[in-house]
Amino acid sequence: MADVLSQSQIDALLNSMQNTETNESVVKEPQPEKKYRKYDFYSPKKYTKDKLKMLRSIYDNYSRIATSLINGLFRVASEVEVIGVEEQRFYEFGNALNETDIITLARAELQDHSKNPPMIFHISPVLMGAMIDRMLGGTGTDSQVDGSYTYTDIEIALYESIIQHLVRITQDVWASYIHMNVEYDRIEENPSMFQGISVDETVVIIMLRISMGENIEGAMNICIPGTLLFNIFDIIEKTKHLADKDSENAQRDNKEEILDSIKESRMEVMAQLGVARVNLDDIYNLRVGDVIDLNKPQDSNISLHIAGQPWFKGKLGVHNKNIAVKIEERVESKKSDIAV
């Protein structure tokens, strides 16, 4: 005959079955997959986060100046902001361009007179079309321009006029770090034919977003070659090192200059034999031959005052038949009583 389960055994059995179902449901929950960032060992990163952060700071300043420039040129409320700073190979930048795009080349002359590849500026046709339309008297919103738009000769001339303003302010934003002369060189109507930069060279792309009015928005990219950046960072490091060294030398030179300028100054040196307090009536009745008690032993030290301040203690004596003071020790400056 089968055993009959008690009520407590039945409850325990039901609880164990419920816990088993709960555990199975927990195990069956899908675990989120860990995402890993791919690293290209063929083209390792050459610039640290600090240097990219410095470039972003520089071009944040560029965006503020460019905003004021566009507002003044086109009489429209605009906004320029940096949306990214990326390190790429040059061929990646070139592959992202269309055949009908126009790029602008700008020469960068450094203070070490090194030869460097040019900077490259690129503005999206939608944004440039709106700028050209406003220069010709339009509203900047009626232009039917897309990524494959081909510029006319007149529009290319206006393109050059506009881009020269945006190139010129580059020199100003770099001025706090390095003296660099940036000048407009030319425009290239066929980006695929440009060979001024090696296709495998590392470049840094500054990506800007420009908004004009309420409806027009486009991108502006600034490509800085790795060779140019290497020379820029090298000069900045050397300048910083020399500035620190010059600061130390300047402090040392200033101290020596101050000492040289005051060492020929004349100062009063007074030997104080003692101090006494007398009434005004006694002073009034002083006569030749009177004696004033200084309340000081005969062989005690005397104070030597320089410019009114006590500096030394010494002994009174004779040197070359003249009264002299032999310095014994140095003392701290204290306020003294009136010498008589």
Protein backbone atom coordinates (compact mmCIF):
# COMPACT_ATOMS: atom_id res chain seq x y z
CA MET A 1 0.00 0.00 0.00
CA ALA A 2 1.40 3.42 -0.98
CA ASP A 3 2.47 5.84 1.73
CA VAL A 4 0.17 8.80 2.31
CA LEU A 5 1.92 12.23 2.33
CA SER A 6 1.24 14.61 5.15
CA GLN A 7 0.17 18.20 4.57
CA SER A 8 3.64 19.54 5.46
CA GLN A 9 5.26 17.17 2.97
CA ILE A 10 2.83 18.27 0.25
CA ASP A 11 3.67 21.97 0.92
CA ALA A 12 7.38 21.26 0.80
CA LEU A 13 6.98 19.44 -2.52
CA LEU A 14 5.01 22.32 -4.06
CA ASN A 15 7.59 24.88 -2.87
CA SER A 16 10.45 22.89 -4.36
CA MET A 17 8.65 22.70 -7.70
CA GLN A 18 8.04 26.47 -7.71
CA ASN A 19 11.72 27.22 -6.90
CA THR A 20 12.82 24.94 -9.73
CA GLU A 21 10.65 26.80 -12.23
CA THR A 22 11.98 30.15 -10.98
CA ASN A 23 15.59 29.03 -11.31
CA GLU A 24 14.99 27.71 -14.83
CA SER A 25 13.41 31.01 -15.85
CA VAL A 26 16.40 32.92 -14.47
CA VAL A 27 18.85 30.73 -16.33
CA LYS A 28 16.95 31.03 -19.56
CA GLU A 29 17.07 34.86 -19.54
CA PRO A 30 19.34 36.01 -22.37
CA GLN A 31 22.55 37.65 -21.23
CA PRO A 32 23.46 40.95 -22.91
CA GLU A 33 26.37 40.55 -25.30
CA LYS A 34 29.51 42.48 -24.49
CA LYS A 35 30.43 44.92 -27.21
CA TYR A 36 34.09 45.38 -28.02
CA ARG A 37 35.58 48.22 -29.96
CA LYS A 38 37.58 47.01 -32.93
CA TYR A 39 41.15 48.22 -33.11
CA ASP A 40 42.91 48.43 -36.44
CA PHE A 41 46.47 47.25 -35.86
CA TYR A 42 47.33 48.10 -39.47
CA SER A 43 46.80 51.80 -38.75
CA PRO A 44 47.47 52.39 -35.03
CA LYS A 45 46.42 55.64 -33.43
CA LYS A 46 49.17 58.23 -33.31
CA TYR A 47 47.56 60.99 -31.28
CA THR A 48 46.67 60.81 -27.61
CA LYS A 49 43.37 61.91 -26.18
CA ASP A 50 45.04 65.01 -24.75
CA LYS A 51 46.17 66.17 -28.18
CA LEU A 52 42.77 65.49 -29.73
CA LYS A 53 41.19 67.34 -26.82
CA MET A 54 43.51 70.29 -27.48
CA LEU A 55 42.49 70.31 -31.15
CA ARG A 56 38.83 70.28 -30.17
CA SER A 57 39.41 73.24 -27.86
CA ILE A 58 41.16 75.16 -30.65
CA TYR A 59 38.34 74.55 -33.11
CA ASP A 60 35.68 75.32 -30.52
CA ASN A 61 37.21 78.78 -30.60
CA TYR A 62 37.23 78.59 -34.40
CA SER A 63 33.50 77.80 -34.41
CA ARG A 64 32.75 80.88 -32.29
CA ILE A 65 34.70 83.15 -34.62
CA ALA A 66 33.15 81.50 -37.69
CA THR A 67 29.67 82.07 -36.27
CA SER A 68 30.29 85.81 -36.01
CA LEU A 69 31.85 85.82 -39.49
CA ILE A 70 28.89 84.07 -41.16
CA ASN A 71 26.41 86.29 -39.32
CA GLY A 72 28.19 89.37 -40.65
CA LEU A 73 28.69 88.14 -44.22
CA PHE A 74 25.22 86.75 -44.91
CA ARG A 75 23.06 88.72 -42.45
CA VAL A 76 21.46 85.59 -41.07
CA ALA A 77 21.40 83.94 -37.65
CA SER A 78 23.81 81.04 -37.80
CA GLU A 79 25.51 78.59 -35.49
CA VAL A 80 28.75 76.68 -35.92
CA GLU A 81 29.71 73.83 -33.60
CA VAL A 82 32.31 71.08 -33.49
CA ILE A 83 30.65 67.66 -33.69
CA GLY A 84 33.75 65.49 -33.75
CA VAL A 85 37.52 65.19 -34.02
CA GLU A 86 38.67 61.93 -35.58
CA GLU A 87 41.94 60.37 -36.62
CA GLN A 88 41.77 58.63 -40.01
CA ARG A 89 43.79 57.65 -43.03
CA PHE A 90 43.67 60.16 -45.86
CA TYR A 91 42.13 57.67 -48.27
CA GLU A 92 39.14 57.35 -45.91
CA PHE A 93 38.60 61.10 -46.11
CA GLY A 94 38.98 61.06 -49.91
CA ASN A 95 36.59 58.14 -50.38
CA ALA A 96 33.86 60.05 -48.55
CA LEU A 97 33.94 62.84 -51.16
CA ASN A 98 31.91 62.93 -54.38
CA GLU A 99 33.47 63.50 -57.77
CA THR A 100 31.68 66.85 -58.09
CA ASP A 101 32.85 68.12 -54.67
CA ILE A 102 35.32 70.97 -54.38
CA ILE A 103 38.10 71.03 -51.80
CA THR A 104 40.12 74.05 -50.75
CA LEU A 105 43.87 73.88 -50.13
CA ALA A 106 45.50 76.19 -47.58
CA ARG A 107 49.25 76.60 -47.08
CA ALA A 108 50.50 76.46 -43.49
CA GLU A 109 53.87 78.11 -42.84
CA LEU A 110 55.45 77.34 -39.46
CA GLN A 111 58.11 79.32 -37.65
CA ASP A 112 60.72 76.63 -38.33
CA HIS A 113 60.20 77.12 -42.11
CA SER A 114 59.59 73.41 -42.64
CA LYS A 115 57.78 72.19 -45.75
CA ASN A 116 54.36 70.82 -44.89
CA PRO A 117 51.41 69.44 -46.87
CA PRO A 118 48.39 71.77 -47.08
CA MET A 119 45.28 71.82 -44.94
CA ILE A 120 42.09 70.82 -46.73
CA PHE A 121 38.72 72.52 -46.26
CA HIS A 122 35.49 71.00 -47.55
CA ILE A 123 31.97 72.44 -47.31
CA SER A 124 28.87 70.48 -48.28
CA PRO A 125 27.22 71.70 -51.53
CA VAL A 126 23.88 72.27 -49.74
CA LEU A 127 25.46 74.73 -47.32
CA MET A 128 27.66 76.45 -49.91
CA GLY A 129 24.71 76.74 -52.29
CA ALA A 130 22.73 78.60 -49.61
CA MET A 131 25.68 80.94 -48.95
CA ILE A 132 26.10 81.72 -52.64
CA ASP A 133 22.35 82.28 -53.00
CA ARG A 134 22.39 84.87 -50.20
CA MET A 135 25.41 86.62 -51.73
CA LEU A 136 23.42 86.96 -54.98
CA GLY A 137 20.47 88.51 -53.15
CA GLY A 138 18.38 85.40 -52.51
CA THR A 139 16.97 84.05 -49.28
CA GLY A 140 19.26 81.04 -49.17
CA THR A 141 16.33 78.63 -48.89
CA ASP A 142 15.24 78.25 -52.54
CA SER A 143 18.42 76.67 -53.85
CA GLN A 144 17.90 73.16 -55.25
CA VAL A 145 21.31 71.72 -54.46
CA ASP A 146 22.21 68.14 -53.56
CA GLY A 147 25.42 66.19 -53.07
CA SER A 148 26.00 65.77 -56.83
CA TYR A 149 25.59 69.45 -57.69
CA THR A 150 28.09 70.92 -60.16
CA TYR A 151 29.17 74.52 -59.61
CA THR A 152 29.18 77.06 -62.44
CA ASP A 153 32.15 79.34 -63.12
CA ILE A 154 30.47 82.27 -61.38
CA GLU A 155 29.63 80.13 -58.38
CA ILE A 156 33.23 78.90 -58.19
CA ALA A 157 34.44 82.52 -58.04
CA LEU A 158 31.99 83.22 -55.21
CA TYR A 159 33.03 79.93 -53.55
CA GLU A 160 36.64 81.18 -53.46
CA SER A 161 35.58 84.51 -51.96
CA ILE A 162 33.64 82.82 -49.16
CA ILE A 163 36.16 80.12 -48.29
CA GLN A 164 39.03 82.62 -48.05
CA HIS A 165 37.31 84.21 -45.03
CA LEU A 166 36.99 80.84 -43.32
CA VAL A 167 40.62 79.95 -44.05
CA ARG A 168 41.94 83.27 -42.76
CA ILE A 169 40.62 82.85 -39.21
CA THR A 170 42.56 79.59 -38.76
CA GLN A 171 45.70 81.58 -38.05
CA ASP A 172 43.96 83.49 -35.24
CA VAL A 173 42.74 80.42 -33.34
CA TRP A 174 46.22 78.84 -33.37
CA ALA A 175 47.94 82.06 -32.26
CA SER A 176 47.77 81.22 -28.53
CA TYR A 177 49.73 77.99 -29.16
CA ILE A 178 51.99 78.63 -32.11
CA HIS A 179 52.77 81.29 -34.68
CA MET A 180 51.47 79.77 -37.90
CA ASN A 181 50.71 81.66 -41.11
CA VAL A 182 47.75 80.05 -42.93
CA GLU A 183 46.95 81.35 -46.41
CA TYR A 184 44.49 80.35 -49.11
CA ASP A 185 46.22 78.47 -51.92
CA ARG A 186 43.68 77.23 -54.47
CA ILE A 187 40.59 75.10 -54.94
CA GLU A 188 40.64 71.60 -56.40
CA GLU A 189 37.61 70.70 -58.50
CA ASN A 190 38.52 67.02 -58.74
CA PRO A 191 39.39 65.66 -55.28
CA SER A 192 40.34 62.22 -56.61
CA MET A 193 43.21 63.78 -58.61
CA PHE A 194 44.76 65.55 -55.62
CA GLN A 195 48.10 63.93 -54.67
CA GLY A 196 49.52 66.44 -52.21
CA ILE A 197 49.02 64.00 -49.31
CA SER A 198 49.89 60.31 -49.28
CA VAL A 199 46.82 58.07 -49.25
CA ASP A 200 48.16 56.15 -46.22
CA GLU A 201 49.11 59.24 -44.22
CA THR A 202 47.35 59.71 -40.91
CA VAL A 203 45.19 62.83 -40.82
CA VAL A 204 42.89 64.44 -38.25
CA ILE A 205 39.42 65.46 -39.42
CA ILE A 206 37.69 68.36 -37.66
CA MET A 207 33.95 67.98 -38.31
CA LEU A 208 31.83 71.11 -37.98
CA ARG A 209 28.09 71.54 -38.31
CA ILE A 210 26.88 74.90 -39.65
CA SER A 211 23.26 76.00 -39.35
CA MET A 212 21.95 79.03 -41.25
CA GLY A 213 18.50 80.27 -40.41
CA GLU A 214 15.92 77.62 -39.62
CA ASN A 215 16.09 75.36 -42.68
CA ILE A 216 19.69 75.22 -43.92
CA GLU A 217 22.18 72.94 -42.25
CA GLY A 218 25.37 71.40 -43.59
CA ALA A 219 28.78 70.05 -42.70
CA MET A 220 32.22 71.57 -42.99
CA ASN A 221 35.31 69.36 -42.65
CA ILE A 222 38.87 70.46 -42.03
CA CYS A 223 41.57 67.89 -42.78
CA ILE A 224 44.95 68.44 -41.09
CA PRO A 225 47.77 66.17 -42.35
CA GLY A 226 49.77 64.16 -39.85
CA THR A 227 53.09 65.62 -41.02
CA LEU A 228 51.86 69.13 -40.31
CA LEU A 229 50.46 68.14 -36.91
CA PHE A 230 53.71 66.41 -35.95
CA ASN A 231 55.69 69.58 -36.68
CA ILE A 232 53.13 71.73 -34.84
CA PHE A 233 53.19 69.60 -31.67
CA ASP A 234 57.00 69.40 -31.81
CA ILE A 235 57.30 73.21 -31.91
CA ILE A 236 54.74 73.58 -29.10
CA GLU A 237 56.69 71.18 -26.87
CA LYS A 238 59.99 72.96 -27.59
CA THR A 239 58.43 76.36 -27.00
CA LYS A 240 56.97 75.22 -23.70
CA HIS A 241 60.35 73.81 -22.58
CA LEU A 242 62.17 76.99 -23.54
CA ALA A 243 59.51 79.13 -21.86
CA ASP A 244 59.99 77.26 -18.57
CA LYS A 245 63.74 77.60 -18.86
CA ASP A 246 63.52 81.29 -19.74
CA SER A 247 61.23 81.85 -16.76
CA GLU A 248 63.83 80.37 -14.41
CA ASN A 249 66.60 82.40 -16.03
CA ALA A 250 64.46 85.52 -15.90
CA GLN A 251 63.92 85.13 -12.16
CA ARG A 252 67.64 84.60 -11.63
CA ASP A 253 68.54 87.53 -13.88
CA ASN A 254 66.01 89.79 -12.16
CA LYS A 255 67.53 89.04 -8.78
CA GLU A 256 71.02 89.80 -10.06
CA GLU A 257 69.84 92.97 -11.78
CA ILE A 258 68.19 94.19 -8.59
CA LEU A 259 71.33 93.51 -6.57
CA ASP A 260 73.49 95.22 -9.20
CA SER A 261 71.25 98.27 -9.19
CA ILE A 262 71.22 98.73 -5.40
CA LYS A 263 74.71 97.62 -4.39
CA GLU A 264 76.12 101.10 -5.08
CA SER A 265 73.49 102.76 -2.89
CA ARG A 266 74.73 104.63 0.19
CA MET A 267 73.33 103.58 3.58
CA GLU A 268 73.81 105.06 7.03
CA VAL A 269 75.56 102.80 9.57
CA MET A 270 75.23 103.87 13.21
CA ALA A 271 76.87 102.34 16.28
CA GLN A 272 74.56 102.74 19.30
CA LEU A 273 76.45 102.85 22.60
CA GLY A 274 73.34 102.72 24.73
CA VAL A 275 69.87 104.06 25.42
CA ALA A 276 68.77 106.34 28.25
CA ARG A 277 65.53 108.03 29.26
CA VAL A 278 65.75 111.57 30.67
CA ASN A 279 63.24 114.26 31.46
CA LEU A 280 62.86 117.29 29.24
CA ASP A 281 63.92 119.51 32.16
CA ASP A 282 67.21 117.58 32.48
CA ILE A 283 67.87 117.99 28.76
CA TYR A 284 67.13 121.71 29.04
CA ASN A 285 69.68 122.08 31.83
CA LEU A 286 72.46 120.04 30.17
CA ARG A 287 75.86 121.75 30.16
CA VAL A 288 79.29 120.94 28.78
CA GLY A 289 80.96 118.38 31.01
CA ASP A 290 77.76 116.75 32.28
CA VAL A 291 77.63 112.93 32.31
CA ILE A 292 74.65 110.83 31.16
CA ASP A 293 74.36 107.32 32.60
CA LEU A 294 73.52 104.80 29.82
CA ASN A 295 72.78 102.01 32.34
CA LYS A 296 75.11 99.65 30.51
CA PRO A 297 78.32 97.88 31.59
CA GLN A 298 81.56 99.23 30.18
CA ASP A 299 82.57 96.09 28.23
CA SER A 300 79.10 95.17 26.95
CA ASN A 301 78.23 94.81 23.26
CA ILE A 302 77.01 97.75 21.28
CA SER A 303 74.32 97.67 18.58
CA LEU A 304 75.13 98.40 14.95
CA HIS A 305 72.18 99.93 13.07
CA ILE A 306 71.91 99.95 9.27
CA ALA A 307 69.34 102.30 7.76
CA GLY A 308 67.80 102.69 11.21
CA GLN A 309 67.38 98.95 11.83
CA PRO A 310 69.54 96.91 14.26
CA TRP A 311 71.45 94.27 12.29
CA PHE A 312 74.55 93.35 14.30
CA LYS A 313 76.13 93.37 17.76
CA GLY A 314 79.80 94.08 18.27
CA LYS A 315 82.66 95.40 20.36
CA LEU A 316 83.92 98.97 20.31
CA GLY A 317 87.63 99.29 19.53
CA VAL A 318 90.31 101.04 17.47
CA HIS A 319 91.51 100.37 13.91
CA ASN A 320 94.31 102.44 12.34
CA LYS A 321 93.95 104.98 15.17
CA ASN A 322 90.22 105.36 14.38
CA ILE A 323 87.28 104.22 16.48
CA ALA A 324 85.83 101.02 15.00
CA VAL A 325 83.29 98.29 15.76
CA LYS A 326 84.09 94.59 15.53
CA ILE A 327 80.97 92.62 14.50
CA GLU A 328 80.29 89.72 16.85
CA GLU A 329 76.84 88.42 15.86
CA ARG A 330 73.74 89.21 13.84
CA VAL A 331 70.48 90.15 15.50
CA GLU A 332 66.86 90.38 14.41
CA SER A 333 65.42 93.77 13.63
CA LYS A 334 63.62 95.31 16.62
CA LYS A 335 62.20 98.68 17.41
CA SER A 336 64.66 100.56 19.57
CA ASP A 337 64.24 103.47 21.92
CA ILE A 338 65.33 106.98 21.06
CA ALA A 339 69.11 107.21 20.99
CA VAL A 340 70.71 110.11 22.84
